[in-house]
Amino acid sequence: MMKFLLPVDGSETSMEAVHHAIALCRQGLRAEFVLANVQAPPTVYEIAVAPDAQSLRGAAGAAGAHLLAPAAARLQAAGLHHVREVAAGDPTRMLVEIAERHRCDGVIIGADRVGAVRGLLGGSVSLALLHDSPVPVTVVHRRAGGDDDSRPGGGSGHEDDGGAADGSDGGDGGGGD
């Protein structure tokens, strides 16, 4: 059975990646998933006003768990095994570490379509993962028309394109850009 990292940041595009993963399994892929959310490191202000480091970690963990909940519910409803992980730090570095630690066979990440220059200047996580990931990365773009699981294969309608032909993908967060 294969294992895939599914970065989730609460965006529509990160949920598109979840829908795509479910569609692949409906079409016969045997897989399990690592749902991951990467929280930004605390700001100087947050560090100054927090009573202690544990409360900062607790707040980040709670925020990440909240963002992972809808994706976990979708995987659970589809009968797919998954684990959840929340981390803090640089999204690309942390997602690569999570993929390695869980011995993932690939990454399925959502990304908006934008021009190459904006994608490079915007700090795209999906673009950085295409470059830095030790495993294959599937980039799933948001489809026009919203959330429709009525299409054959679960409604994803996405192909593994590895990003747009011009190398753009527009991401900026730890899961769906």
C-alpha atoms as a PDB file:
ATOM      1  CA  MET A   1       0.000   0.000   0.000  1.00  0.00           C
ATOM      2  CA  MET A   2       1.290   3.442  -0.895  1.00  0.00           C
ATOM      3  CA  LYS A   3       1.441   6.375   1.510  1.00  0.00           C
ATOM      4  CA  PHE A   4       0.899  10.002   0.490  1.00  0.00           C
ATOM      5  CA  LEU A   5       1.460  13.267   2.283  1.00  0.00           C
ATOM      6  CA  LEU A   6      -1.567  15.566   1.987  1.00  0.00           C
ATOM      7  CA  PRO A   7      -0.675  19.087   3.156  1.00  0.00           C
ATOM      8  CA  VAL A   8      -3.798  20.944   4.297  1.00  0.00           C
ATOM      9  CA  ASP A   9      -4.036  24.623   5.177  1.00  0.00           C
ATOM     10  CA  GLY A  10      -7.801  25.074   5.159  1.00  0.00           C
ATOM     11  CA  SER A  11      -7.923  26.529   1.644  1.00  0.00           C
ATOM     12  CA  GLU A  12     -10.199  25.358  -1.162  1.00  0.00           C
ATOM     13  CA  THR A  13      -7.174  24.190  -3.109  1.00  0.00           C
ATOM     14  CA  SER A  14      -5.913  22.006  -0.285  1.00  0.00           C
ATOM     15  CA  MET A  15      -9.355  20.383  -0.129  1.00  0.00           C
ATOM     16  CA  GLU A  16      -9.181  19.858  -3.905  1.00  0.00           C
ATOM     17  CA  ALA A  17      -6.052  17.789  -3.264  1.00  0.00           C
ATOM     18  CA  VAL A  18      -7.965  15.736  -0.687  1.00  0.00           C
ATOM     19  CA  HIS A  19     -10.816  15.207  -3.158  1.00  0.00           C
ATOM     20  CA  HIS A  20      -8.292  14.141  -5.811  1.00  0.00           C
ATOM     21  CA  ALA A  21      -6.715  11.628  -3.426  1.00  0.00           C
ATOM     22  CA  ILE A  22     -10.131  10.168  -2.635  1.00  0.00           C
ATOM     23  CA  ALA A  23     -10.943   9.954  -6.357  1.00  0.00           C
ATOM     24  CA  LEU A  24      -7.698   8.068  -7.006  1.00  0.00           C
ATOM     25  CA  CYS A  25      -8.636   5.559  -4.308  1.00  0.00           C
ATOM     26  CA  ARG A  26     -12.135   5.180  -5.745  1.00  0.00           C
ATOM     27  CA  GLN A  27     -10.454   4.310  -9.045  1.00  0.00           C
ATOM     28  CA  GLY A  28      -8.410   1.533  -7.434  1.00  0.00           C
ATOM     29  CA  LEU A  29      -5.352   3.098  -5.796  1.00  0.00           C
ATOM     30  CA  ARG A  30      -4.594   1.429  -2.474  1.00  0.00           C
ATOM     31  CA  ALA A  31      -3.231   4.192  -0.272  1.00  0.00           C
ATOM     32  CA  GLU A  32      -3.099   5.698   3.170  1.00  0.00           C
ATOM     33  CA  PHE A  33      -2.479   9.328   3.960  1.00  0.00           C
ATOM     34  CA  VAL A  34      -0.582  11.669   6.244  1.00  0.00           C
ATOM     35  CA  LEU A  35      -2.577  14.859   6.696  1.00  0.00           C
ATOM     36  CA  ALA A  36      -0.190  17.655   7.596  1.00  0.00           C
ATOM     37  CA  ASN A  37      -0.554  21.287   8.560  1.00  0.00           C
ATOM     38  CA  VAL A  38       2.383  23.601   9.111  1.00  0.00           C
ATOM     39  CA  GLN A  39       1.838  26.618  11.332  1.00  0.00           C
ATOM     40  CA  ALA A  40       3.991  29.723  11.046  1.00  0.00           C
ATOM     41  CA  PRO A  41       6.526  30.152  13.831  1.00  0.00           C
ATOM     42  CA  PRO A  42       5.368  32.501  16.590  1.00  0.00           C
ATOM     43  CA  THR A  43       6.012  36.197  16.137  1.00  0.00           C
ATOM     44  CA  VAL A  44       8.146  38.196  18.550  1.00  0.00           C
ATOM     45  CA  TYR A  45       4.945  39.686  19.955  1.00  0.00           C
ATOM     46  CA  GLU A  46       3.381  36.251  20.516  1.00  0.00           C
ATOM     47  CA  ILE A  47       6.529  35.084  22.275  1.00  0.00           C
ATOM     48  CA  ALA A  48       6.571  38.205  24.462  1.00  0.00           C
ATOM     49  CA  VAL A  49       2.935  37.930  25.600  1.00  0.00           C
ATOM     50  CA  ALA A  50       2.652  34.151  25.894  1.00  0.00           C
ATOM     51  CA  PRO A  51       2.804  32.842  29.438  1.00  0.00           C
ATOM     52  CA  ASP A  52       5.141  30.042  28.348  1.00  0.00           C
ATOM     53  CA  ALA A  53       6.385  28.081  25.324  1.00  0.00           C
ATOM     54  CA  GLN A  54       3.909  25.273  25.995  1.00  0.00           C
ATOM     55  CA  SER A  55       0.945  27.610  25.510  1.00  0.00           C
ATOM     56  CA  LEU A  56       2.377  28.724  22.138  1.00  0.00           C
ATOM     57  CA  ARG A  57       2.772  25.106  21.028  1.00  0.00           C
ATOM     58  CA  GLY A  58      -0.735  24.339  22.271  1.00  0.00           C
ATOM     59  CA  ALA A  59      -2.264  27.213  20.317  1.00  0.00           C
ATOM     60  CA  ALA A  60      -0.429  26.215  17.133  1.00  0.00           C
ATOM     61  CA  GLY A  61      -1.460  22.589  17.592  1.00  0.00           C
ATOM     62  CA  ALA A  62      -5.098  23.530  18.139  1.00  0.00           C
ATOM     63  CA  ALA A  63      -5.135  25.806  15.082  1.00  0.00           C
ATOM     64  CA  GLY A  64      -3.563  23.087  12.930  1.00  0.00           C
ATOM     65  CA  ALA A  65      -5.956  20.415  14.210  1.00  0.00           C
ATOM     66  CA  HIS A  66      -8.897  22.694  13.405  1.00  0.00           C
ATOM     67  CA  LEU A  67      -7.658  23.146   9.826  1.00  0.00           C
ATOM     68  CA  LEU A  68      -7.101  19.393   9.380  1.00  0.00           C
ATOM     69  CA  ALA A  69     -10.555  18.395  10.654  1.00  0.00           C
ATOM     70  CA  PRO A  70     -12.545  18.789   7.389  1.00  0.00           C
ATOM     71  CA  ALA A  71      -9.944  16.835   5.403  1.00  0.00           C
ATOM     72  CA  ALA A  72      -9.853  14.108   8.046  1.00  0.00           C
ATOM     73  CA  ALA A  73     -13.658  13.901   7.965  1.00  0.00           C
ATOM     74  CA  ARG A  74     -13.612  13.456   4.171  1.00  0.00           C
ATOM     75  CA  LEU A  75     -10.992  10.693   4.338  1.00  0.00           C
ATOM     76  CA  GLN A  76     -12.856   9.022   7.202  1.00  0.00           C
ATOM     77  CA  ALA A  77     -16.137   9.136   5.263  1.00  0.00           C
ATOM     78  CA  ALA A  78     -14.361   7.514   2.303  1.00  0.00           C
ATOM     79  CA  GLY A  79     -13.029   4.770   4.582  1.00  0.00           C
ATOM     80  CA  LEU A  80      -9.386   5.764   4.046  1.00  0.00           C
ATOM     81  CA  HIS A  81      -6.752   5.354   6.733  1.00  0.00           C
ATOM     82  CA  HIS A  82      -4.906   8.506   7.717  1.00  0.00           C
ATOM     83  CA  VAL A  83      -2.844  10.062  10.447  1.00  0.00           C
ATOM     84  CA  ARG A  84      -2.596  13.752  11.299  1.00  0.00           C
ATOM     85  CA  GLU A  85       0.443  15.861  12.025  1.00  0.00           C
ATOM     86  CA  VAL A  86       0.769  19.533  12.905  1.00  0.00           C
ATOM     87  CA  ALA A  87       4.181  21.189  12.789  1.00  0.00           C
ATOM     88  CA  ALA A  88       5.517  24.729  13.080  1.00  0.00           C
ATOM     89  CA  GLY A  89       8.214  26.334  10.983  1.00  0.00           C
ATOM     90  CA  ASP A  90       9.116  26.788   7.346  1.00  0.00           C
ATOM     91  CA  PRO A  91       6.337  24.991   5.416  1.00  0.00           C
ATOM     92  CA  THR A  92       8.513  23.454   2.704  1.00  0.00           C
ATOM     93  CA  ARG A  93      11.199  22.214   5.083  1.00  0.00           C
ATOM     94  CA  MET A  94       8.654  20.839   7.545  1.00  0.00           C
ATOM     95  CA  LEU A  95       6.615  19.083   4.834  1.00  0.00           C
ATOM     96  CA  VAL A  96       9.755  17.427   3.460  1.00  0.00           C
ATOM     97  CA  GLU A  97      10.652  16.288   6.998  1.00  0.00           C
ATOM     98  CA  ILE A  98       7.147  14.919   7.566  1.00  0.00           C
ATOM     99  CA  ALA A  99       7.200  13.065   4.241  1.00  0.00           C
ATOM    100  CA  GLU A 100      10.578  11.527   5.096  1.00  0.00           C
ATOM    101  CA  ARG A 101       9.636  10.638   8.683  1.00  0.00           C
ATOM    102  CA  HIS A 102       6.444   8.888   7.555  1.00  0.00           C
ATOM    103  CA  ARG A 103       8.206   7.297   4.572  1.00  0.00           C
ATOM    104  CA  CYS A 104       5.680   8.725   2.127  1.00  0.00           C
ATOM    105  CA  ASP A 105       5.740   7.571  -1.477  1.00  0.00           C
ATOM    106  CA  GLY A 106       4.476  10.916  -2.764  1.00  0.00           C
ATOM    107  CA  VAL A 107       2.879  14.270  -2.011  1.00  0.00           C
ATOM    108  CA  ILE A 108      -0.511  15.466  -3.253  1.00  0.00           C
ATOM    109  CA  ILE A 109      -0.815  19.241  -2.826  1.00  0.00           C
ATOM    110  CA  GLY A 110      -3.328  21.836  -3.964  1.00  0.00           C
ATOM    111  CA  ALA A 111      -2.273  25.011  -5.760  1.00  0.00           C
ATOM    112  CA  ASP A 112      -3.883  27.984  -7.450  1.00  0.00           C
ATOM    113  CA  ARG A 113      -2.903  28.776 -11.015  1.00  0.00           C
ATOM    114  CA  VAL A 114      -0.927  32.006 -11.308  1.00  0.00           C
ATOM    115  CA  GLY A 115       1.846  33.302 -13.522  1.00  0.00           C
ATOM    116  CA  ALA A 116       5.418  32.082 -13.115  1.00  0.00           C
ATOM    117  CA  VAL A 117       6.748  35.397 -11.779  1.00  0.00           C
ATOM    118  CA  ARG A 118       4.018  35.741  -9.164  1.00  0.00           C
ATOM    119  CA  GLY A 119       4.515  32.104  -8.145  1.00  0.00           C
ATOM    120  CA  LEU A 120       8.243  32.602  -7.663  1.00  0.00           C
ATOM    121  CA  LEU A 121       7.871  35.901  -5.822  1.00  0.00           C
ATOM    122  CA  GLY A 122       4.961  34.661  -3.731  1.00  0.00           C
ATOM    123  CA  GLY A 123       6.966  31.976  -1.954  1.00  0.00           C
ATOM    124  CA  SER A 124       4.969  29.076  -3.364  1.00  0.00           C
ATOM    125  CA  VAL A 125       5.097  25.998  -1.147  1.00  0.00           C
ATOM    126  CA  SER A 126       3.955  23.709  -3.951  1.00  0.00           C
ATOM    127  CA  LEU A 127       6.645  25.050  -6.282  1.00  0.00           C
ATOM    128  CA  ALA A 128       9.291  24.652  -3.575  1.00  0.00           C
ATOM    129  CA  LEU A 129       8.110  21.082  -2.928  1.00  0.00           C
ATOM    130  CA  LEU A 130       8.431  20.288  -6.632  1.00  0.00           C
ATOM    131  CA  HIS A 131      12.079  21.255  -6.270  1.00  0.00           C
ATOM    132  CA  ASP A 132      12.935  19.964  -2.774  1.00  0.00           C
ATOM    133  CA  SER A 133      10.786  16.884  -2.239  1.00  0.00           C
ATOM    134  CA  PRO A 134      12.588  13.531  -2.227  1.00  0.00           C
ATOM    135  CA  VAL A 135       9.380  11.909  -3.528  1.00  0.00           C
ATOM    136  CA  PRO A 136       7.091  12.683  -6.498  1.00  0.00           C
ATOM    137  CA  VAL A 137       4.721  15.640  -6.081  1.00  0.00           C
ATOM    138  CA  THR A 138       1.278  15.822  -7.648  1.00  0.00           C
ATOM    139  CA  VAL A 139      -0.054  19.383  -7.924  1.00  0.00           C
ATOM    140  CA  VAL A 140      -3.841  19.649  -8.012  1.00  0.00           C
ATOM    141  CA  HIS A 141      -5.385  22.866  -9.309  1.00  0.00           C
ATOM    142  CA  ARG A 142      -8.758  24.164  -8.211  1.00  0.00           C
ATOM    143  CA  ARG A 143     -11.372  23.293 -10.782  1.00  0.00           C
ATOM    144  CA  ALA A 144     -13.899  25.762 -12.050  1.00  0.00           C
ATOM    145  CA  GLY A 145     -17.401  25.073 -10.832  1.00  0.00           C
ATOM    146  CA  GLY A 146     -16.725  24.200  -7.201  1.00  0.00           C
ATOM    147  CA  ASP A 147     -17.125  21.003  -5.227  1.00  0.00           C
ATOM    148  CA  ASP A 148     -18.924  18.411  -7.340  1.00  0.00           C
ATOM    149  CA  ASP A 149     -18.248  14.800  -6.439  1.00  0.00           C
ATOM    150  CA  SER A 150     -20.823  13.590  -8.964  1.00  0.00           C
ATOM    151  CA  ARG A 151     -18.310  13.183 -11.801  1.00  0.00           C
ATOM    152  CA  PRO A 152     -17.003   9.710 -12.622  1.00  0.00           C
ATOM    153  CA  GLY A 153     -14.113   8.796 -10.343  1.00  0.00           C
ATOM    154  CA  GLY A 154     -15.327  10.986  -7.495  1.00  0.00           C
ATOM    155  CA  GLY A 155     -15.443  14.323  -9.233  1.00  0.00           C
ATOM    156  CA  SER A 156     -11.850  15.450  -8.947  1.00  0.00           C
ATOM    157  CA  GLY A 157     -11.251  15.753 -12.667  1.00  0.00           C
ATOM    158  CA  HIS A 158      -7.573  16.476 -12.079  1.00  0.00           C
ATOM    159  CA  GLU A 159      -4.575  14.852 -13.639  1.00  0.00           C
ATOM    160  CA  ASP A 160      -1.093  14.549 -12.173  1.00  0.00           C
ATOM    161  CA  ASP A 161       0.470  17.404 -14.087  1.00  0.00           C
ATOM    162  CA  GLY A 162       3.354  18.118 -11.729  1.00  0.00           C
ATOM    163  CA  GLY A 163       2.559  21.832 -12.031  1.00  0.00           C
ATOM    164  CA  ALA A 164       1.763  24.053 -14.951  1.00  0.00           C
ATOM    165  CA  ALA A 165       3.872  23.895 -18.096  1.00  0.00           C
ATOM    166  CA  ASP A 166       5.494  27.212 -17.201  1.00  0.00           C
ATOM    167  CA  GLY A 167       6.456  25.916 -13.736  1.00  0.00           C
ATOM    168  CA  SER A 168       3.914  28.107 -11.942  1.00  0.00           C
ATOM    169  CA  ASP A 169       1.483  27.026  -9.291  1.00  0.00           C
ATOM    170  CA  GLY A 170       0.948  30.052  -7.091  1.00  0.00           C
ATOM    171  CA  GLY A 171       1.038  28.491  -3.670  1.00  0.00           C
ATOM    172  CA  ASP A 172       1.919  30.238  -0.458  1.00  0.00           C
ATOM    173  CA  GLY A 173       0.950  28.050   2.460  1.00  0.00           C
ATOM    174  CA  GLY A 174       1.577  24.619   3.871  1.00  0.00           C
ATOM    175  CA  GLY A 175      -1.018  22.780   1.905  1.00  0.00           C
ATOM    176  CA  GLY A 176      -3.168  24.493  -0.616  1.00  0.00           C
ATOM    177  CA  ASP A 177      -2.003  27.605  -2.155  1.00  0.00           C
END
